[in-house]
Protein backbone atom coordinates (compact mmCIF):
# COMPACT_ATOMS: atom_id res chain seq x y z
CA UNK A 1 12.66 6.41 -2.19
CA UNK A 2 12.91 4.60 0.96
CA UNK A 3 14.64 1.23 2.46
CA UNK A 4 15.15 -0.19 5.36
CA UNK A 5 18.30 -1.91 4.83
CA UNK A 6 21.01 -0.98 1.98
CA UNK A 7 19.53 -3.93 -0.15
CA UNK A 8 15.82 -3.16 0.38
CA UNK A 9 14.02 0.06 -1.19
CA UNK A 10 10.30 1.13 -1.49
CA UNK A 11 9.28 3.12 -4.63
CA UNK A 12 6.18 4.76 -5.89
CA UNK A 13 5.30 4.07 -9.54
CA UNK A 14 2.57 6.41 -9.83
CA UNK A 15 1.60 5.30 -13.39
CA UNK A 16 0.79 2.02 -12.34
CA UNK A 17 -0.79 3.06 -9.08
CA UNK A 18 1.18 1.04 -7.15
CA UNK A 19 4.26 0.98 -4.41
CA UNK A 20 7.06 -1.37 -5.02
CA UNK A 21 9.46 -2.88 -3.01
CA UNK A 22 12.88 -3.91 -4.35
CA UNK A 23 15.02 -6.35 -3.05
CA UNK A 24 18.47 -6.17 -4.63
CA UNK A 25 17.18 -4.21 -7.32
CA UNK A 26 14.53 -6.74 -8.31
CA UNK A 27 10.76 -6.20 -7.65
CA UNK A 28 9.47 -8.76 -4.96
CA UNK A 29 6.56 -6.89 -4.00
CA UNK A 30 3.74 -4.64 -4.83
CA UNK A 31 0.91 -2.64 -2.85
CA UNK A 32 -1.83 -1.65 -5.53
CA UNK A 33 -4.24 1.27 -5.33
CA UNK A 34 -6.90 3.37 -7.29
CA UNK A 35 -6.84 7.35 -6.24
CA UNK A 36 -10.56 8.31 -5.93
CA UNK A 37 -10.72 12.43 -5.17
CA UNK A 38 -9.14 12.77 -1.55
CA UNK A 39 -8.94 9.04 -0.79
CA UNK A 40 -6.18 6.18 -2.07
CA UNK A 41 -8.22 2.71 -1.89
CA UNK A 42 -5.38 -0.16 -1.55
CA UNK A 43 -6.86 -3.15 -2.85
CA UNK A 44 -4.19 -5.55 -3.47
CA UNK A 45 -0.71 -6.14 -1.75
CA UNK A 46 1.77 -8.85 -2.75
CA UNK A 47 4.91 -10.11 -1.75
CA UNK A 48 7.42 -12.93 -3.11
CA UNK A 49 5.94 -16.14 -1.02
CA UNK A 50 9.62 -17.01 -0.87
CA UNK A 51 10.44 -13.99 0.80
CA UNK A 52 7.94 -14.51 3.35
CA UNK A 53 8.82 -13.61 7.34
CA UNK A 54 10.83 -10.89 6.04
CA UNK A 55 8.99 -7.98 7.10
CA UNK A 56 8.85 -6.63 3.65
CA UNK A 57 4.76 -6.68 3.21
CA UNK A 58 5.06 -4.45 6.57
CA UNK A 59 7.80 -1.90 5.13
CA UNK A 60 6.21 -1.77 2.08
CA UNK A 61 2.69 -0.76 3.66
CA UNK A 62 4.14 1.83 6.11
CA UNK A 63 5.88 3.70 3.35
CA UNK A 64 2.89 3.20 1.24
CA UNK A 65 0.76 4.71 4.20
CA UNK A 66 3.13 7.19 4.92
CA UNK A 67 3.38 8.74 1.11
CA UNK A 68 -0.27 8.76 1.14
CA UNK A 69 -0.46 10.94 4.27
CA UNK A 70 2.17 13.36 2.82
CA UNK A 71 -0.07 13.24 -0.63
CA UNK A 72 -3.06 14.76 1.81
CA UNK A 73 -4.79 11.53 0.52
CA UNK A 74 -6.79 9.27 3.10
CA UNK A 75 -6.76 5.58 3.09
CA UNK A 76 -9.35 3.34 2.48
CA UNK A 77 -8.19 -0.57 2.91
CA UNK A 78 -10.02 -2.54 1.00
CA UNK A 79 -6.66 -4.89 0.51
CA UNK A 80 -7.31 -7.36 3.50
CA UNK A 81 -3.22 -7.00 4.42
CA UNK A 82 -3.51 -3.46 4.73
CA UNK A 83 -6.71 -3.64 6.79
CA UNK A 84 -5.12 -5.84 9.03
CA UNK A 85 -1.76 -3.93 9.28
CA UNK A 86 -3.45 -0.48 10.47
CA UNK A 87 -5.33 -2.59 12.76
CA UNK A 88 -2.30 -2.95 14.51
CA UNK A 89 -0.32 -0.19 13.96
CA UNK A 90 -0.91 3.09 16.12
CA UNK A 91 -0.99 6.31 13.66
CA UNK A 92 -3.23 5.77 10.83
CA UNK A 93 -6.63 6.29 12.33
CA UNK A 94 -6.51 10.06 11.63
CA UNK A 95 -6.72 9.26 7.54
CA UNK A 96 -8.68 5.97 7.76
CA UNK A 97 -12.10 6.19 6.15
CA UNK A 98 -14.12 2.92 6.17
CA UNK A 99 -14.46 0.43 3.32
CA UNK A 100 -17.90 0.88 1.68
CA UNK A 101 -19.79 -0.48 -1.48
CA UNK A 102 -18.98 2.81 -3.43
CA UNK A 103 -15.11 2.03 -2.39
CA UNK A 104 -15.05 -1.48 -3.85
CA UNK A 105 -17.14 -0.87 -7.01
CA UNK A 106 -14.58 1.81 -7.85
CA UNK A 107 -11.94 -0.42 -7.37
CA UNK A 108 -13.77 -2.80 -9.68
CA UNK A 109 -14.37 -0.03 -12.26
CA UNK A 110 -11.06 1.07 -12.57
CA UNK A 111 -8.37 -1.45 -11.32
CA UNK A 112 -6.59 -3.91 -14.07
C-alpha cells in the first residue's frame, strides 16, 4: 500500500489483476494488467474523469510500475496512458518491453 497524501492510497488487487487508487477510501481508478510469464502487460488505465488533473493516474501508474519491478517482471505498455507515461518518466527503460502482436493477443485471450 502506498499513498501520496493522507487520503490517497494505491493498492494491488492481485485477484483481479489490477492496481487501484482510492481517495478517502473509495476506488477512483485502476490500472489493469495480464501477467504472461516474466511480463506484466498493462492494457487499461482509468481514473474517474471528475478527478482529472489531480495527478491520480500518474500516482497509480508509478506505484504499479514500481511494484512490477519489485516483483521481477518486465513492463509491456499496451495501454496508451502507460505507454505515454513511460515515455516521459525516466527510470523504466531497463524493464520495458515493446508491444508485440503476441502481447496484444495475450490480453485479448485473458482480459475481461
